[in-house]
Amino acid sequence: MRDYRDAKAMAQAVRGFLADHSVKITNSQSLELIAKAFGVSDWNTLAAAVRGEVTAPRTKIATSSATIDAGIRPRTPRFSTELELTLQRALGYADARKHQYTTLEHLLLALTHDANASKVMRACGVDLAALQKSLTDYIDNELRTLVVEAGASPGESRPTAAFQRVMQRAESHAEQMGQQEITGANMTVVIFTERLSPAVRRLYSQNMTAEDAANFVERGIIKRSGTAAP
C-alpha cells in the first residue's frame, strides 16, 4: 500500500463483500476495521501514517523495507481474512440492535461462528448451540441500556475498551507463537484475561478455562470431554 486511497479501497471492498453476504456495516466501521487490521488504534492514525509514508524520503522507506526483509525485525502479525469477517460480524450484531458499543458478548457470539475459534471451543467441550443461545439472550435482554437514544445516529457501534484489549492481546499471542496471521483461536485464548466479563463467565459455566484453550491452541491437547473438528 503506497497511497491513502488504497486503504479506503480496501475498506470499500470489505464492506461490499459483507453486503453480498447479508452483513451490513457503515463506511466508518469498515475504515476502523482496516485500521485495526494494520495494527493501529483508529482510522485517523492509519491515514496519518499512510500520508507520512508517501511523503517520506525514498531512502528512508528503502532502509525500513530492507531491515524487515533481512529478518532483523519480524513482521507484525495481521488479522486473517476470516477474523476480519468475524470482527465485522460482532459489529453487525451490535448495529442490528442499535447498540452504542460492541462488547465482548457480541464478540464471543461472533467467534462461535468463526471456524478457528469454534474449533477451540468444541475441543474444550463447549456446547456451541447452548452458548449462542445464552449470549443472544444476554445481549437482547441485558444490554438494552446500550441502545442508541431516539434521534442519535445508529450504525456507529464502537468496540469497548475490553474488546480492544482482547484484540491487542490476540496480536501479542500470535506473535509469541510465531504466526503470520492472527486468528479466532488466538482471540479465544486471550479473551479469558477479561475474566469478570459476562462473556467469559459463560465459558466458565461450560467448564472451559483459559488453560483448556491454551492447551489446545498451543499444544494440541484436547480436553477429555471435548471434540476437535477437522
Protein backbone atom coordinates (compact mmCIF):
# COMPACT_ATOMS: atom_id res chain seq x y z
CA MET A 1 0.00 0.00 0.00
CA ARG A 2 1.56 3.27 -1.10
CA ASP A 3 -1.43 5.60 -1.21
CA TYR A 4 -4.09 6.84 1.19
CA ARG A 5 -6.68 5.77 -1.38
CA ASP A 6 -5.53 2.14 -1.24
CA ALA A 7 -6.64 1.84 2.37
CA LYS A 8 -10.03 3.32 1.53
CA ALA A 9 -10.36 0.91 -1.39
CA MET A 10 -9.68 -2.00 0.94
CA ALA A 11 -12.39 -0.75 3.31
CA GLN A 12 -14.85 -0.45 0.44
CA ALA A 13 -14.00 -3.96 -0.74
CA VAL A 14 -14.61 -5.40 2.73
CA ARG A 15 -17.89 -3.54 3.04
CA GLY A 16 -19.02 -4.75 -0.39
CA PHE A 17 -18.06 -8.35 0.35
CA LEU A 18 -20.00 -8.33 3.61
CA ALA A 19 -23.02 -6.74 1.93
CA ASP A 20 -23.03 -9.60 -0.59
CA HIS A 21 -23.27 -11.94 2.40
CA SER A 22 -26.12 -10.01 4.05
CA VAL A 23 -23.91 -8.32 6.67
CA LYS A 24 -24.36 -4.56 6.55
CA ILE A 25 -21.82 -2.20 8.13
CA THR A 26 -21.21 1.50 7.82
CA ASN A 27 -18.37 3.10 5.90
CA SER A 28 -16.92 4.34 9.18
CA GLN A 29 -16.86 0.83 10.62
CA SER A 30 -15.13 -0.59 7.55
CA LEU A 31 -12.45 2.11 7.82
CA GLU A 32 -11.93 1.40 11.53
CA LEU A 33 -11.60 -2.34 10.84
CA ILE A 34 -8.95 -1.77 8.18
CA ALA A 35 -7.08 0.39 10.69
CA LYS A 36 -7.19 -2.43 13.26
CA ALA A 37 -6.02 -4.91 10.62
CA PHE A 38 -2.91 -2.75 10.12
CA GLY A 39 -2.30 -2.71 13.86
CA VAL A 40 -3.17 0.92 14.63
CA SER A 41 -5.74 2.29 17.06
CA ASP A 42 -8.10 4.03 14.62
CA TRP A 43 -8.62 5.22 11.07
CA ASN A 44 -7.23 8.71 11.65
CA THR A 45 -3.98 7.21 12.90
CA LEU A 46 -3.69 4.95 9.86
CA ALA A 47 -4.47 7.80 7.48
CA ALA A 48 -1.77 9.93 9.06
CA ALA A 49 0.72 7.05 8.89
CA VAL A 50 0.00 6.45 5.21
CA ARG A 51 0.40 10.13 4.39
CA GLY A 52 3.71 10.12 6.24
CA GLU A 53 4.88 7.08 4.29
CA VAL A 54 4.00 8.69 0.98
CA THR A 55 5.90 11.89 1.79
CA ALA A 56 8.90 10.26 3.49
CA PRO A 57 12.27 10.28 1.71
CA ARG A 58 12.70 7.29 -0.60
CA THR A 59 15.95 6.26 1.09
CA LYS A 60 14.23 6.04 4.47
CA ILE A 61 11.50 3.77 3.09
CA ALA A 62 14.02 1.56 1.35
CA THR A 63 16.06 1.17 4.53
CA SER A 64 12.99 0.22 6.53
CA SER A 65 11.91 -2.40 3.98
CA ALA A 66 15.41 -3.86 3.77
CA THR A 67 15.52 -4.22 7.53
CA ILE A 68 12.28 -6.16 7.55
CA ASP A 69 13.22 -8.31 4.56
CA ALA A 70 16.56 -9.16 6.13
CA GLY A 71 14.71 -10.69 9.06
CA ILE A 72 16.18 -8.29 11.62
CA ARG A 73 12.74 -7.03 12.63
CA PRO A 74 9.89 -9.59 12.32
CA ARG A 75 6.71 -8.56 10.62
CA THR A 76 3.78 -7.85 12.91
CA PRO A 77 1.03 -10.47 12.50
CA ARG A 78 -2.02 -9.32 10.58
CA PHE A 79 -5.64 -10.31 11.13
CA SER A 80 -6.66 -13.24 8.96
CA THR A 81 -9.44 -12.66 6.44
CA GLU A 82 -11.74 -14.88 8.45
CA LEU A 83 -11.06 -12.99 11.66
CA GLU A 84 -11.73 -9.68 9.92
CA LEU A 85 -15.14 -11.03 8.93
CA THR A 86 -15.71 -12.24 12.49
CA LEU A 87 -14.96 -8.79 13.88
CA GLN A 88 -17.31 -7.27 11.35
CA ARG A 89 -19.95 -9.81 12.38
CA ALA A 90 -19.59 -8.71 16.00
CA LEU A 91 -20.07 -5.07 14.99
CA GLY A 92 -23.05 -6.14 12.91
CA TYR A 93 -24.71 -7.78 15.90
CA ALA A 94 -24.42 -4.51 17.82
CA ASP A 95 -25.60 -2.40 14.91
CA ALA A 96 -28.62 -4.60 14.28
CA ARG A 97 -29.72 -3.86 17.85
CA LYS A 98 -28.71 -0.17 17.66
CA HIS A 99 -26.19 -0.69 20.45
CA GLN A 100 -23.79 2.18 21.00
CA TYR A 101 -20.96 -0.19 21.92
CA THR A 102 -19.81 -3.59 20.72
CA THR A 103 -18.98 -5.68 23.78
CA LEU A 104 -17.17 -8.94 24.47
CA GLU A 105 -20.54 -10.67 24.39
CA HIS A 106 -21.06 -9.56 20.78
CA LEU A 107 -17.50 -10.68 20.06
CA LEU A 108 -17.85 -14.12 21.64
CA LEU A 109 -21.12 -14.70 19.81
CA ALA A 110 -19.35 -13.88 16.54
CA LEU A 111 -16.47 -16.19 17.49
CA THR A 112 -18.86 -19.13 17.84
CA HIS A 113 -19.30 -18.86 14.07
CA ASP A 114 -15.56 -18.46 13.38
CA ALA A 115 -14.03 -21.75 12.15
CA ASN A 116 -10.82 -21.44 14.18
CA ALA A 117 -12.44 -20.17 17.38
CA SER A 118 -15.31 -22.64 17.32
CA LYS A 119 -12.86 -25.49 16.81
CA VAL A 120 -11.09 -24.47 20.03
CA MET A 121 -14.38 -24.26 21.92
CA ARG A 122 -15.52 -27.68 20.72
CA ALA A 123 -12.15 -29.16 21.69
CA CYS A 124 -12.74 -27.76 25.18
CA GLY A 125 -16.17 -29.37 25.48
CA VAL A 126 -18.33 -26.29 24.81
CA ASP A 127 -21.90 -26.77 23.56
CA LEU A 128 -21.90 -24.07 20.88
CA ALA A 129 -25.68 -24.01 20.44
CA ALA A 130 -26.24 -23.54 24.17
CA LEU A 131 -23.54 -20.84 24.31
CA GLN A 132 -25.05 -19.00 21.35
CA LYS A 133 -28.50 -19.03 22.98
CA SER A 134 -27.12 -17.81 26.31
CA LEU A 135 -25.19 -14.97 24.67
CA THR A 136 -28.11 -13.94 22.46
CA ASP A 137 -30.46 -13.84 25.45
CA TYR A 138 -27.95 -11.73 27.38
CA ILE A 139 -27.36 -9.33 24.50
CA ASP A 140 -31.09 -8.89 23.82
CA ASN A 141 -32.20 -8.55 27.43
CA GLU A 142 -29.30 -7.24 29.49
CA LEU A 143 -27.72 -4.77 27.08
CA ARG A 144 -30.78 -2.66 26.43
CA THR A 145 -29.07 0.27 28.10
CA LEU A 146 -26.66 0.37 25.14
CA VAL A 147 -29.44 1.13 22.65
CA VAL A 148 -28.89 4.47 20.91
CA GLU A 149 -31.40 7.08 22.02
CA ALA A 150 -34.01 8.34 19.57
CA GLY A 151 -32.56 10.99 17.32
CA ALA A 152 -28.99 9.70 17.53
CA SER A 153 -27.23 8.18 14.56
CA PRO A 154 -27.41 4.36 14.60
CA GLY A 155 -24.93 2.14 12.81
CA GLU A 156 -21.85 3.56 14.50
CA SER A 157 -21.29 1.00 17.24
CA ARG A 158 -17.76 1.16 18.64
CA PRO A 159 -15.77 -1.59 20.39
CA THR A 160 -15.48 -1.28 24.16
CA ALA A 161 -12.10 -0.95 25.86
CA ALA A 162 -12.27 -4.63 26.82
CA PHE A 163 -12.94 -5.59 23.19
CA GLN A 164 -9.89 -3.61 22.06
CA ARG A 165 -7.70 -5.10 24.79
CA VAL A 166 -8.58 -8.59 23.61
CA MET A 167 -7.66 -7.64 20.04
CA GLN A 168 -4.27 -6.31 21.18
CA ARG A 169 -3.57 -9.38 23.31
CA ALA A 170 -4.52 -11.67 20.42
CA GLU A 171 -1.88 -9.94 18.31
CA SER A 172 0.73 -10.48 21.04
CA HIS A 173 -0.28 -14.13 21.40
CA ALA A 174 0.02 -14.75 17.66
CA GLU A 175 3.41 -13.03 17.62
CA GLN A 176 4.64 -15.17 20.53
CA MET A 177 3.58 -18.29 18.63
CA GLY A 178 5.41 -17.14 15.51
CA GLN A 179 2.24 -16.82 13.45
CA GLN A 180 1.97 -14.53 10.47
CA GLU A 181 -1.78 -14.15 10.95
CA ILE A 182 -3.98 -13.56 13.98
CA THR A 183 -6.96 -15.93 14.05
CA GLY A 184 -10.05 -16.59 16.10
CA ALA A 185 -8.07 -19.22 18.01
CA ASN A 186 -5.79 -16.51 19.43
CA MET A 187 -8.83 -14.44 20.38
CA THR A 188 -10.36 -17.42 22.20
CA VAL A 189 -7.24 -17.91 24.32
CA VAL A 190 -6.81 -14.28 25.36
CA ILE A 191 -10.49 -13.44 25.94
CA PHE A 192 -10.09 -15.17 29.31
CA THR A 193 -7.96 -12.26 30.51
CA GLU A 194 -11.27 -10.39 30.87
CA ARG A 195 -12.33 -12.97 33.42
CA LEU A 196 -15.09 -10.87 35.04
CA SER A 197 -16.98 -10.26 31.82
CA PRO A 198 -20.35 -11.97 31.27
CA ALA A 199 -18.92 -13.48 28.08
CA VAL A 200 -16.11 -15.28 29.91
CA ARG A 201 -18.44 -16.32 32.71
CA ARG A 202 -20.49 -18.17 30.13
CA LEU A 203 -17.42 -20.07 29.01
CA TYR A 204 -16.66 -20.92 32.63
CA SER A 205 -20.24 -22.15 33.05
CA GLN A 206 -19.48 -24.74 30.38
CA ASN A 207 -16.32 -25.78 32.25
CA MET A 208 -13.99 -24.21 29.70
CA THR A 209 -10.94 -22.47 31.18
CA ALA A 210 -8.04 -20.40 29.91
CA GLU A 211 -5.80 -23.39 30.48
CA ASP A 212 -8.06 -25.60 28.33
CA ALA A 213 -7.91 -23.07 25.49
CA ALA A 214 -4.14 -22.62 25.72
CA ASN A 215 -3.54 -26.37 25.91
CA PHE A 216 -5.37 -26.92 22.62
CA VAL A 217 -4.10 -23.87 20.71
CA GLU A 218 -0.50 -24.01 21.90
CA ARG A 219 -0.01 -27.74 22.48
CA GLY A 220 -2.78 -29.51 20.54
CA ILE A 221 -4.18 -31.10 23.70
CA ILE A 222 -7.92 -31.81 23.51
CA LYS A 223 -9.87 -31.67 26.75
CA ARG A 224 -11.11 -35.15 27.59
CA SER A 225 -14.77 -34.26 27.12
CA GLY A 226 -14.12 -32.16 24.01
CA THR A 227 -14.12 -32.97 20.30
CA ALA A 228 -11.93 -31.16 17.78
CA ALA A 229 -13.38 -30.74 14.31
CA PRO A 230 -11.05 -31.29 11.35
